[in-house]
Amino acid sequence: MKKALSLFLAVLMMFSVMAIGASAEDTEPLDTWDYQGYPAKSNQSILVLDLANGKFRDAQPVYNLQTGKIERRELSASEMAEKFVWVPADDSDFVAGSKVTLPVVTGPKGYQFDGWYCVTDGNTYGAVPGGYTVPADGSMAGKTIEFRAAYSPVAPEQDTFAKVFDILIKVFGTIYGLLTGGDTAKGIATMKKLFAGLMD
């Protein structure tokens, strides 16, 4: 009786293991991955854009975590203060070798937008059609590619008073030069010398 019971338990254990294996195969996850809840397929990348105090000029494809859909809209100020997560819109987006047109950004006051610095590869890419290409070797599949907006200082504009004053000196210097012998360059030089104290 003990041998029969042992044999029955052994057969039961063998079938239970097979059943577990079958159920694990049925519930195997799909060929996808996600970055902080933002989904992509395993052969795609997700782009993360840091605006660094800049602002998008146009509406962007925003992935809504609640609805699971992409909606094209303007970003709020608080959204722009955070990193923008750009997910693939379809199966061909952000796969190995695909070209990406990066968005245009308005820089903070006193700075101009120079392009997107890729933290991942150390290069800067312009916001032009096909400006960035996802590595063709597939090394970034299932990974995030990070970008940070790059800016440079804008040359300060000349003071409005200085511009107007410079024009007036040229006009009156030319008139003075014509009246005193016809040498306009000498007339302008005389006016500059005369009003040098005001220009400092």
N, C-alpha and C. Protein backbone atom coordinates (compact mmCIF):
# COMPACT_ATOMS: atom_id res chain seq x y z
N MET A 1 0.83 -1.21 0.00
CA MET A 1 0.00 0.00 0.00
C MET A 1 0.87 1.27 0.00
N LYS A 2 1.94 1.23 0.81
CA LYS A 2 2.84 2.39 0.87
C LYS A 2 3.50 2.63 -0.47
N LYS A 3 3.88 1.55 -1.19
CA LYS A 3 4.52 1.69 -2.49
C LYS A 3 3.53 2.30 -3.50
N ALA A 4 2.30 1.85 -3.45
CA ALA A 4 1.28 2.37 -4.37
C ALA A 4 1.03 3.85 -4.10
N LEU A 5 0.97 4.20 -2.81
CA LEU A 5 0.76 5.60 -2.42
C LEU A 5 1.94 6.47 -2.87
N SER A 6 3.15 5.96 -2.70
CA SER A 6 4.36 6.69 -3.12
C SER A 6 4.36 6.91 -4.63
N LEU A 7 3.99 5.86 -5.37
CA LEU A 7 3.94 5.96 -6.82
C LEU A 7 2.88 6.98 -7.25
N PHE A 8 1.73 6.96 -6.60
CA PHE A 8 0.65 7.91 -6.91
C PHE A 8 1.10 9.35 -6.65
N LEU A 9 1.77 9.58 -5.51
CA LEU A 9 2.26 10.93 -5.17
C LEU A 9 3.33 11.38 -6.17
N ALA A 10 4.19 10.48 -6.59
CA ALA A 10 5.24 10.82 -7.56
C ALA A 10 4.62 11.25 -8.89
N VAL A 11 3.61 10.50 -9.36
CA VAL A 11 2.93 10.85 -10.61
C VAL A 11 2.21 12.18 -10.47
N LEU A 12 1.56 12.39 -9.31
CA LEU A 12 0.84 13.65 -9.05
C LEU A 12 1.79 14.84 -9.08
N MET A 13 2.97 14.67 -8.47
CA MET A 13 3.97 15.75 -8.46
C MET A 13 4.47 16.04 -9.88
N MET A 14 4.66 15.01 -10.68
CA MET A 14 5.14 15.20 -12.03
C MET A 14 4.12 16.00 -12.86
N PHE A 15 2.85 15.68 -12.73
CA PHE A 15 1.82 16.41 -13.46
C PHE A 15 1.67 17.85 -12.95
N SER A 16 1.84 18.07 -11.65
CA SER A 16 1.72 19.43 -11.11
C SER A 16 2.83 20.33 -11.63
N VAL A 17 4.05 19.79 -11.77
CA VAL A 17 5.16 20.57 -12.32
C VAL A 17 4.90 20.92 -13.77
N MET A 18 4.38 19.98 -14.52
CA MET A 18 4.07 20.25 -15.93
C MET A 18 2.97 21.30 -16.06
N ALA A 19 2.03 21.27 -15.17
CA ALA A 19 0.94 22.25 -15.21
C ALA A 19 1.47 23.65 -14.93
N ILE A 20 2.40 23.75 -13.98
CA ILE A 20 2.98 25.06 -13.63
C ILE A 20 3.76 25.59 -14.82
N GLY A 21 4.52 24.71 -15.47
CA GLY A 21 5.28 25.13 -16.65
C GLY A 21 4.37 25.65 -17.74
N ALA A 22 3.26 25.01 -17.95
CA ALA A 22 2.32 25.42 -18.99
C ALA A 22 1.69 26.77 -18.66
N SER A 23 1.35 26.98 -17.38
CA SER A 23 0.72 28.24 -17.00
C SER A 23 1.72 29.38 -17.09
N ALA A 24 2.98 29.14 -16.78
CA ALA A 24 4.00 30.18 -16.88
C ALA A 24 4.18 30.59 -18.34
N GLU A 25 4.09 29.61 -19.24
CA GLU A 25 4.24 29.91 -20.66
C GLU A 25 3.07 30.75 -21.17
N ASP A 26 1.88 30.51 -20.66
CA ASP A 26 0.69 31.26 -21.08
C ASP A 26 0.74 32.72 -20.63
N THR A 27 1.35 32.99 -19.46
CA THR A 27 1.35 34.35 -18.91
C THR A 27 2.67 35.08 -19.15
N GLU A 28 3.49 34.59 -20.08
CA GLU A 28 4.77 35.24 -20.37
C GLU A 28 4.50 36.65 -20.89
N PRO A 29 5.26 37.67 -20.39
CA PRO A 29 5.00 39.05 -20.81
C PRO A 29 5.27 39.27 -22.29
N LEU A 30 4.59 40.26 -22.87
CA LEU A 30 4.78 40.60 -24.27
C LEU A 30 6.17 41.17 -24.49
N ASP A 31 6.58 41.29 -25.74
CA ASP A 31 7.91 41.76 -26.11
C ASP A 31 7.97 43.29 -25.99
N THR A 32 7.79 43.82 -24.78
CA THR A 32 7.78 45.26 -24.53
C THR A 32 8.61 45.60 -23.30
N TRP A 33 8.85 46.90 -23.11
CA TRP A 33 9.51 47.39 -21.90
C TRP A 33 8.93 48.77 -21.62
N ASP A 34 9.23 49.33 -20.48
CA ASP A 34 8.74 50.69 -20.21
C ASP A 34 9.75 51.47 -19.39
N TYR A 35 9.66 52.80 -19.53
CA TYR A 35 10.49 53.72 -18.76
C TYR A 35 9.54 54.58 -17.92
N GLN A 36 9.53 54.35 -16.62
CA GLN A 36 8.66 55.08 -15.69
C GLN A 36 7.20 55.05 -16.13
N GLY A 37 6.77 53.92 -16.66
CA GLY A 37 5.38 53.76 -17.09
C GLY A 37 5.12 54.11 -18.54
N TYR A 38 6.14 54.64 -19.24
CA TYR A 38 6.00 54.99 -20.66
C TYR A 38 6.43 53.78 -21.49
N PRO A 39 5.53 53.21 -22.31
CA PRO A 39 5.82 51.93 -22.98
C PRO A 39 6.51 52.04 -24.34
N ALA A 40 7.22 50.97 -24.68
CA ALA A 40 7.81 50.82 -26.01
C ALA A 40 8.04 49.34 -26.25
N LYS A 41 8.24 48.98 -27.51
CA LYS A 41 8.57 47.59 -27.82
C LYS A 41 10.06 47.38 -27.57
N SER A 42 10.45 46.12 -27.42
CA SER A 42 11.84 45.83 -27.04
C SER A 42 12.86 46.23 -28.10
N ASN A 43 12.42 46.44 -29.36
CA ASN A 43 13.36 46.86 -30.40
C ASN A 43 13.36 48.38 -30.59
N GLN A 44 12.67 49.11 -29.70
CA GLN A 44 12.58 50.57 -29.80
C GLN A 44 13.27 51.25 -28.62
N SER A 45 13.58 52.52 -28.83
CA SER A 45 14.13 53.35 -27.75
C SER A 45 13.06 54.34 -27.31
N ILE A 46 13.27 54.94 -26.15
CA ILE A 46 12.45 56.05 -25.67
C ILE A 46 13.38 57.24 -25.53
N LEU A 47 12.96 58.41 -26.05
CA LEU A 47 13.78 59.61 -25.97
C LEU A 47 13.36 60.44 -24.77
N VAL A 48 14.35 60.90 -24.00
CA VAL A 48 14.08 61.76 -22.84
C VAL A 48 14.75 63.10 -23.11
N LEU A 49 13.94 64.18 -23.16
CA LEU A 49 14.43 65.51 -23.50
C LEU A 49 14.38 66.44 -22.29
N ASP A 50 15.55 66.99 -21.94
CA ASP A 50 15.64 67.96 -20.85
C ASP A 50 15.74 69.35 -21.47
N LEU A 51 14.70 70.19 -21.26
CA LEU A 51 14.66 71.51 -21.89
C LEU A 51 15.61 72.52 -21.25
N ALA A 52 16.09 72.23 -20.05
CA ALA A 52 17.04 73.12 -19.35
C ALA A 52 16.56 74.57 -19.35
N ASN A 53 15.34 74.78 -18.88
CA ASN A 53 14.71 76.10 -18.75
C ASN A 53 14.26 76.71 -20.08
N GLY A 54 14.29 75.95 -21.14
CA GLY A 54 13.78 76.44 -22.42
C GLY A 54 12.31 76.08 -22.57
N LYS A 55 11.74 76.40 -23.73
CA LYS A 55 10.32 76.11 -24.00
C LYS A 55 10.17 75.57 -25.41
N PHE A 56 9.30 74.56 -25.57
CA PHE A 56 8.99 74.07 -26.91
C PHE A 56 8.24 75.16 -27.66
N ARG A 57 8.54 75.33 -28.94
CA ARG A 57 7.84 76.34 -29.75
C ARG A 57 6.50 75.82 -30.25
N ASP A 58 6.40 74.50 -30.42
CA ASP A 58 5.20 73.91 -31.00
C ASP A 58 4.60 72.86 -30.08
N ALA A 59 3.41 72.38 -30.45
CA ALA A 59 2.76 71.29 -29.72
C ALA A 59 3.62 70.03 -29.85
N GLN A 60 3.53 69.16 -28.86
CA GLN A 60 4.33 67.94 -28.83
C GLN A 60 3.44 66.70 -28.65
N PRO A 61 3.93 65.53 -29.09
CA PRO A 61 3.16 64.29 -28.88
C PRO A 61 3.30 63.81 -27.44
N VAL A 62 2.34 64.14 -26.61
CA VAL A 62 2.40 63.84 -25.18
C VAL A 62 1.69 62.52 -24.90
N TYR A 63 2.39 61.58 -24.22
CA TYR A 63 1.78 60.29 -23.88
C TYR A 63 1.02 60.46 -22.57
N ASN A 64 -0.28 60.18 -22.60
CA ASN A 64 -1.12 60.30 -21.41
C ASN A 64 -1.08 58.97 -20.65
N LEU A 65 -0.50 58.99 -19.44
CA LEU A 65 -0.36 57.77 -18.66
C LEU A 65 -1.71 57.21 -18.22
N GLN A 66 -2.73 58.07 -18.09
CA GLN A 66 -4.06 57.61 -17.66
C GLN A 66 -4.79 56.88 -18.78
N THR A 67 -4.77 57.47 -19.99
CA THR A 67 -5.52 56.86 -21.10
C THR A 67 -4.67 55.90 -21.93
N GLY A 68 -3.35 56.00 -21.81
CA GLY A 68 -2.47 55.15 -22.61
C GLY A 68 -2.43 55.55 -24.07
N LYS A 69 -2.74 56.83 -24.36
CA LYS A 69 -2.75 57.31 -25.74
C LYS A 69 -1.87 58.55 -25.88
N ILE A 70 -1.45 58.79 -27.12
CA ILE A 70 -0.64 59.98 -27.41
C ILE A 70 -1.57 61.09 -27.88
N GLU A 71 -1.41 62.28 -27.27
CA GLU A 71 -2.20 63.45 -27.67
C GLU A 71 -1.25 64.59 -27.98
N ARG A 72 -1.46 65.24 -29.10
CA ARG A 72 -0.57 66.34 -29.50
C ARG A 72 -1.09 67.64 -28.90
N ARG A 73 -0.29 68.26 -28.05
CA ARG A 73 -0.74 69.51 -27.40
C ARG A 73 0.46 70.33 -26.91
N GLU A 74 0.16 71.57 -26.56
CA GLU A 74 1.17 72.46 -25.97
C GLU A 74 1.44 71.98 -24.54
N LEU A 75 2.68 72.07 -24.11
CA LEU A 75 3.02 71.67 -22.74
C LEU A 75 2.84 72.86 -21.80
N SER A 76 2.40 72.56 -20.58
CA SER A 76 2.27 73.61 -19.56
C SER A 76 3.65 73.97 -19.03
N ALA A 77 3.74 75.07 -18.29
CA ALA A 77 5.02 75.51 -17.73
C ALA A 77 5.61 74.47 -16.79
N SER A 78 4.75 73.83 -15.99
CA SER A 78 5.26 72.82 -15.05
C SER A 78 5.76 71.58 -15.79
N GLU A 79 5.10 71.23 -16.90
CA GLU A 79 5.55 70.08 -17.69
C GLU A 79 6.89 70.36 -18.36
N MET A 80 7.06 71.61 -18.79
CA MET A 80 8.33 71.97 -19.43
C MET A 80 9.48 72.01 -18.43
N ALA A 81 9.15 72.20 -17.16
CA ALA A 81 10.19 72.23 -16.13
C ALA A 81 10.74 70.83 -15.86
N GLU A 82 9.99 69.80 -16.25
CA GLU A 82 10.43 68.43 -16.06
C GLU A 82 10.99 67.88 -17.38
N LYS A 83 11.59 66.70 -17.32
CA LYS A 83 12.09 66.07 -18.54
C LYS A 83 10.91 65.55 -19.35
N PHE A 84 10.95 65.81 -20.65
CA PHE A 84 9.88 65.36 -21.55
C PHE A 84 10.21 63.96 -22.05
N VAL A 85 9.29 63.02 -21.83
CA VAL A 85 9.49 61.64 -22.27
C VAL A 85 8.75 61.46 -23.60
N TRP A 86 9.51 61.13 -24.63
CA TRP A 86 8.96 60.99 -25.97
C TRP A 86 8.92 59.51 -26.32
N VAL A 87 7.71 58.96 -26.38
CA VAL A 87 7.54 57.52 -26.65
C VAL A 87 7.26 57.29 -28.13
N PRO A 88 7.56 56.08 -28.63
CA PRO A 88 7.26 55.79 -30.04
C PRO A 88 5.76 55.84 -30.31
N ALA A 89 5.38 56.46 -31.43
CA ALA A 89 3.96 56.57 -31.79
C ALA A 89 3.48 55.32 -32.53
N ASP A 90 4.40 54.64 -33.21
CA ASP A 90 4.04 53.40 -33.91
C ASP A 90 5.24 52.46 -33.95
N ASP A 91 5.09 51.32 -34.60
CA ASP A 91 6.12 50.28 -34.61
C ASP A 91 7.42 50.70 -35.29
N SER A 92 7.37 51.70 -36.17
CA SER A 92 8.58 52.12 -36.90
C SER A 92 9.34 53.24 -36.20
N ASP A 93 8.77 53.83 -35.16
CA ASP A 93 9.42 54.93 -34.44
C ASP A 93 10.55 54.44 -33.55
N PHE A 94 11.67 55.15 -33.59
CA PHE A 94 12.81 54.97 -32.68
C PHE A 94 13.38 53.55 -32.69
N VAL A 95 13.31 52.89 -33.85
CA VAL A 95 13.97 51.58 -34.00
C VAL A 95 15.38 51.84 -34.54
N ALA A 96 16.23 50.83 -34.51
CA ALA A 96 17.61 50.96 -34.99
C ALA A 96 17.65 51.52 -36.40
N GLY A 97 18.44 52.60 -36.59
CA GLY A 97 18.61 53.22 -37.91
C GLY A 97 17.57 54.23 -38.30
N SER A 98 16.53 54.43 -37.48
CA SER A 98 15.48 55.39 -37.85
C SER A 98 15.92 56.81 -37.57
N LYS A 99 15.46 57.73 -38.43
CA LYS A 99 15.81 59.15 -38.29
C LYS A 99 14.75 59.86 -37.47
N VAL A 100 15.21 60.80 -36.63
CA VAL A 100 14.32 61.53 -35.74
C VAL A 100 14.51 63.03 -35.95
N THR A 101 13.41 63.76 -36.12
CA THR A 101 13.46 65.22 -36.18
C THR A 101 13.21 65.74 -34.77
N LEU A 102 14.24 66.28 -34.16
CA LEU A 102 14.13 66.77 -32.78
C LEU A 102 13.40 68.11 -32.77
N PRO A 103 12.63 68.39 -31.72
CA PRO A 103 11.84 69.64 -31.69
C PRO A 103 12.69 70.90 -31.49
N VAL A 104 12.13 72.02 -31.92
CA VAL A 104 12.80 73.32 -31.76
C VAL A 104 12.41 73.90 -30.41
N VAL A 105 13.38 74.54 -29.76
CA VAL A 105 13.18 75.10 -28.42
C VAL A 105 13.54 76.58 -28.42
N THR A 106 12.80 77.36 -27.65
CA THR A 106 13.14 78.77 -27.42
C THR A 106 13.95 78.80 -26.13
N GLY A 107 15.14 79.37 -26.19
CA GLY A 107 16.03 79.41 -25.03
C GLY A 107 15.58 80.39 -23.97
N PRO A 108 16.14 80.28 -22.76
CA PRO A 108 15.84 81.26 -21.71
C PRO A 108 16.31 82.65 -22.15
N LYS A 109 15.86 83.68 -21.47
CA LYS A 109 16.20 85.06 -21.84
C LYS A 109 17.72 85.24 -21.88
N GLY A 110 18.19 85.80 -22.98
CA GLY A 110 19.63 86.05 -23.14
C GLY A 110 20.40 84.88 -23.75
N TYR A 111 19.68 83.80 -24.10
CA TYR A 111 20.34 82.63 -24.68
C TYR A 111 19.63 82.18 -25.95
N GLN A 112 20.41 81.65 -26.89
CA GLN A 112 19.84 81.11 -28.11
C GLN A 112 20.02 79.60 -28.13
N PHE A 113 19.06 78.92 -28.76
CA PHE A 113 19.06 77.46 -28.84
C PHE A 113 20.04 77.02 -29.92
N ASP A 114 20.99 76.14 -29.56
CA ASP A 114 22.01 75.66 -30.50
C ASP A 114 21.74 74.24 -31.01
N GLY A 115 20.86 73.51 -30.34
CA GLY A 115 20.59 72.12 -30.72
C GLY A 115 20.43 71.26 -29.49
N TRP A 116 20.44 69.94 -29.70
CA TRP A 116 20.26 68.99 -28.60
C TRP A 116 21.56 68.24 -28.33
N TYR A 117 22.08 68.37 -27.11
CA TYR A 117 23.27 67.62 -26.71
C TYR A 117 22.81 66.23 -26.27
N CYS A 118 23.33 65.20 -26.93
CA CYS A 118 22.96 63.83 -26.58
C CYS A 118 23.87 63.34 -25.46
N VAL A 119 23.30 63.17 -24.28
CA VAL A 119 24.06 62.71 -23.11
C VAL A 119 24.59 61.30 -23.37
N THR A 120 23.85 60.53 -24.16
CA THR A 120 24.20 59.13 -24.41
C THR A 120 25.46 58.99 -25.25
N ASP A 121 25.61 59.83 -26.33
CA ASP A 121 26.80 59.67 -27.18
C ASP A 121 27.73 60.87 -27.19
N GLY A 122 27.36 61.97 -26.50
CA GLY A 122 28.25 63.12 -26.37
C GLY A 122 28.29 64.06 -27.56
N ASN A 123 27.36 63.91 -28.52
CA ASN A 123 27.31 64.79 -29.69
C ASN A 123 26.11 65.74 -29.61
N THR A 124 26.18 66.85 -30.35
CA THR A 124 25.07 67.80 -30.40
C THR A 124 24.41 67.71 -31.77
N TYR A 125 23.08 67.66 -31.77
CA TYR A 125 22.30 67.51 -33.00
C TYR A 125 21.35 68.69 -33.16
N GLY A 126 21.22 69.17 -34.39
CA GLY A 126 20.33 70.28 -34.67
C GLY A 126 18.89 69.84 -34.79
N ALA A 127 17.98 70.79 -34.61
CA ALA A 127 16.55 70.50 -34.74
C ALA A 127 16.16 70.67 -36.20
N VAL A 128 16.63 69.73 -37.02
CA VAL A 128 16.34 69.74 -38.46
C VAL A 128 15.76 68.37 -38.82
N PRO A 129 15.04 68.27 -39.94
CA PRO A 129 14.49 66.96 -40.32
C PRO A 129 15.57 65.89 -40.38
N GLY A 130 15.33 64.80 -39.65
CA GLY A 130 16.30 63.70 -39.61
C GLY A 130 17.60 64.07 -38.93
N GLY A 131 17.53 65.02 -38.00
CA GLY A 131 18.74 65.50 -37.34
C GLY A 131 19.46 64.47 -36.49
N TYR A 132 18.74 63.48 -35.99
CA TYR A 132 19.36 62.43 -35.17
C TYR A 132 18.96 61.07 -35.73
N THR A 133 19.91 60.15 -35.73
CA THR A 133 19.63 58.79 -36.18
C THR A 133 19.88 57.82 -35.02
N VAL A 134 18.89 57.01 -34.70
CA VAL A 134 19.04 55.99 -33.66
C VAL A 134 20.13 55.02 -34.14
N PRO A 135 21.11 54.69 -33.27
CA PRO A 135 22.20 53.80 -33.70
C PRO A 135 21.70 52.56 -34.44
N ALA A 136 22.28 52.33 -35.62
CA ALA A 136 21.83 51.23 -36.49
C ALA A 136 22.23 49.86 -35.96
N ASP A 137 23.18 49.81 -35.03
CA ASP A 137 23.64 48.50 -34.53
C ASP A 137 22.69 47.89 -33.49
N GLY A 138 21.61 48.62 -33.15
CA GLY A 138 20.63 48.09 -32.19
C GLY A 138 21.06 48.19 -30.75
N SER A 139 22.16 48.91 -30.49
CA SER A 139 22.68 49.01 -29.12
C SER A 139 21.76 49.78 -28.18
N MET A 140 20.86 50.61 -28.74
CA MET A 140 19.96 51.40 -27.88
C MET A 140 18.55 50.82 -27.84
N ALA A 141 18.35 49.64 -28.39
CA ALA A 141 17.03 48.99 -28.33
C ALA A 141 16.70 48.65 -26.88
N GLY A 142 15.49 49.02 -26.47
CA GLY A 142 15.06 48.76 -25.10
C GLY A 142 15.72 49.68 -24.08
N LYS A 143 16.23 50.84 -24.54
CA LYS A 143 16.92 51.78 -23.63
C LYS A 143 16.43 53.20 -23.90
N THR A 144 16.75 54.10 -22.97
CA THR A 144 16.42 55.52 -23.16
C THR A 144 17.62 56.23 -23.77
N ILE A 145 17.34 57.19 -24.65
CA ILE A 145 18.37 58.04 -25.22
C ILE A 145 18.10 59.44 -24.67
N GLU A 146 19.05 59.98 -23.91
CA GLU A 146 18.82 61.26 -23.23
C GLU A 146 19.45 62.42 -23.99
N PHE A 147 18.67 63.52 -24.07
CA PHE A 147 19.12 64.75 -24.70
C PHE A 147 18.93 65.92 -23.74
N ARG A 148 19.81 66.93 -23.86
CA ARG A 148 19.66 68.16 -23.08
C ARG A 148 19.80 69.33 -24.05
N ALA A 149 18.87 70.28 -23.97
CA ALA A 149 18.92 71.45 -24.86
C ALA A 149 20.21 72.23 -24.60
N ALA A 150 20.90 72.57 -25.70
CA ALA A 150 22.16 73.31 -25.61
C ALA A 150 21.92 74.76 -26.01
N TYR A 151 22.44 75.69 -25.21
CA TYR A 151 22.26 77.13 -25.46
C TYR A 151 23.61 77.84 -25.44
N SER A 152 23.64 79.01 -26.09
CA SER A 152 24.80 79.89 -26.01
C SER A 152 24.30 81.31 -25.79
N PRO A 153 25.10 82.15 -25.10
CA PRO A 153 24.65 83.52 -24.83
C PRO A 153 24.47 84.32 -26.12
N VAL A 154 23.44 85.13 -26.13
CA VAL A 154 23.19 86.02 -27.27
C VAL A 154 23.98 87.30 -27.02
N ALA A 155 24.62 87.84 -28.06
CA ALA A 155 25.37 89.09 -27.92
C ALA A 155 24.41 90.19 -27.50
N PRO A 156 24.77 90.96 -26.45
CA PRO A 156 23.85 92.02 -25.99
C PRO A 156 23.62 93.06 -27.07
N GLU A 157 22.38 93.49 -27.18
CA GLU A 157 22.05 94.50 -28.19
C GLU A 157 22.63 95.84 -27.79
N GLN A 158 23.02 96.60 -28.80
CA GLN A 158 23.55 97.94 -28.55
C GLN A 158 22.43 98.82 -28.01
N ASP A 159 22.78 99.68 -27.09
CA ASP A 159 21.82 100.59 -26.49
C ASP A 159 21.14 101.44 -27.57
N THR A 160 19.82 101.61 -27.45
CA THR A 160 19.05 102.37 -28.44
C THR A 160 19.55 103.81 -28.56
N PHE A 161 19.87 104.42 -27.42
CA PHE A 161 20.38 105.80 -27.43
C PHE A 161 21.68 105.88 -28.21
N ALA A 162 22.55 104.89 -28.01
CA ALA A 162 23.85 104.88 -28.72
C ALA A 162 23.64 104.75 -30.22
N LYS A 163 22.66 103.93 -30.63
CA LYS A 163 22.37 103.77 -32.06
C LYS A 163 21.89 105.09 -32.67
N VAL A 164 20.92 105.73 -32.00
CA VAL A 164 20.35 107.00 -32.50
C VAL A 164 21.43 108.08 -32.53
N PHE A 165 22.23 108.14 -31.47
CA PHE A 165 23.29 109.15 -31.37
C PHE A 165 24.31 108.96 -32.49
N ASP A 166 24.64 107.70 -32.80
CA ASP A 166 25.60 107.41 -33.86
C ASP A 166 25.06 107.87 -35.22
N ILE A 167 23.78 107.67 -35.45
CA ILE A 167 23.16 108.11 -36.71
C ILE A 167 23.18 109.63 -36.81
N LEU A 168 22.83 110.30 -35.71
CA LEU A 168 22.81 111.78 -35.70
C LEU A 168 24.21 112.35 -35.95
N ILE A 169 25.23 111.74 -35.35
CA ILE A 169 26.61 112.21 -35.56
C ILE A 169 26.99 112.09 -37.03
N LYS A 170 26.59 110.98 -37.67
CA LYS A 170 26.91 110.79 -39.08
C LYS A 170 26.19 111.82 -39.96
N VAL A 171 24.90 112.07 -39.64
CA VAL A 171 24.12 113.04 -40.43
C VAL A 171 24.70 114.44 -40.29
N PHE A 172 24.86 114.89 -39.03
CA PHE A 172 25.36 116.26 -38.80
C PHE A 172 26.84 116.39 -39.18
N GLY A 173 27.61 115.30 -39.04
CA GLY A 173 29.01 115.33 -39.45
C GLY A 173 29.14 115.48 -40.95
N THR A 174 28.26 114.80 -41.68
CA THR A 174 28.26 114.91 -43.15
C THR A 174 27.92 116.34 -43.57
N ILE A 175 26.88 116.90 -42.95
CA ILE A 175 26.47 118.28 -43.27
C ILE A 175 27.60 119.26 -42.94
N TYR A 176 28.20 119.10 -41.77
CA TYR A 176 29.30 119.97 -41.34
C TYR A 176 30.47 119.85 -42.30
N GLY A 177 30.78 118.62 -42.73
CA GLY A 177 31.89 118.41 -43.66
C GLY A 177 31.65 119.07 -45.00
N LEU A 178 30.40 118.98 -45.50
CA LEU A 178 30.06 119.61 -46.78
C LEU A 178 30.14 121.14 -46.69
N LEU A 179 29.72 121.70 -45.55
CA LEU A 179 29.73 123.15 -45.37
C LEU A 179 31.13 123.72 -45.18
N THR A 180 32.05 122.89 -44.68
CA THR A 180 33.40 123.39 -44.37
C THR A 180 34.46 122.87 -45.33
N GLY A 181 34.10 122.62 -46.56
CA GLY A 181 35.12 122.24 -47.53
C GLY A 181 34.83 120.96 -48.28
N GLY A 182 33.77 120.29 -48.00
CA GLY A 182 33.38 119.11 -48.77
C GLY A 182 33.93 117.78 -48.29
N ASP A 183 34.69 117.73 -47.19
CA ASP A 183 35.23 116.47 -46.69
C ASP A 183 34.28 115.91 -45.61
N THR A 184 33.39 114.96 -46.03
CA THR A 184 32.38 114.42 -45.10
C THR A 184 33.01 113.56 -44.00
N ALA A 185 34.05 112.81 -44.34
CA ALA A 185 34.71 111.96 -43.34
C ALA A 185 35.32 112.82 -42.23
N LYS A 186 35.91 113.95 -42.61
CA LYS A 186 36.51 114.86 -41.63
C LYS A 186 35.42 115.49 -40.76
N GLY A 187 34.27 115.79 -41.37
CA GLY A 187 33.15 116.36 -40.62
C GLY A 187 32.62 115.38 -39.58
N ILE A 188 32.49 114.09 -39.95
CA ILE A 188 32.01 113.06 -39.01
C ILE A 188 33.02 112.89 -37.88
N ALA A 189 34.32 112.88 -38.22
CA ALA A 189 35.37 112.74 -37.19
C ALA A 189 35.33 113.91 -36.22
N THR A 190 35.08 115.12 -36.74
CA THR A 190 35.00 116.32 -35.89
C THR A 190 33.82 116.20 -34.93
N MET A 191 32.66 115.75 -35.42
CA MET A 191 31.47 115.58 -34.58
C MET A 191 31.70 114.53 -33.51
N LYS A 192 32.35 113.43 -33.87
CA LYS A 192 32.65 112.39 -32.90
C LYS A 192 33.55 112.92 -31.78
N LYS A 193 34.55 113.72 -32.20
CA LYS A 193 35.47 114.29 -31.22
C LYS A 193 34.74 115.29 -30.32
N LEU A 194 33.84 116.06 -30.92
CA LEU A 194 33.10 117.08 -30.19
C LEU A 194 32.17 116.47 -29.13
N PHE A 195 31.54 115.36 -29.50
CA PHE A 195 30.57 114.74 -28.58
C PHE A 195 31.10 113.45 -27.91
N ALA A 196 32.41 113.29 -27.90
CA ALA A 196 33.02 112.07 -27.33
C ALA A 196 32.62 111.88 -25.87
N GLY A 197 32.51 112.96 -25.12
CA GLY A 197 32.16 112.87 -23.70
C GLY A 197 30.76 112.32 -23.48
N LEU A 198 29.82 112.65 -24.38
CA LEU A 198 28.45 112.17 -24.25
C LEU A 198 28.32 110.69 -24.61
N MET A 199 29.20 110.21 -25.45
CA MET A 199 29.12 108.83 -25.90
C MET A 199 29.68 107.83 -24.88
N ASP A 200 30.46 108.28 -23.92
CA ASP A 200 31.06 107.40 -22.91
C ASP A 200 30.06 107.02 -21.85
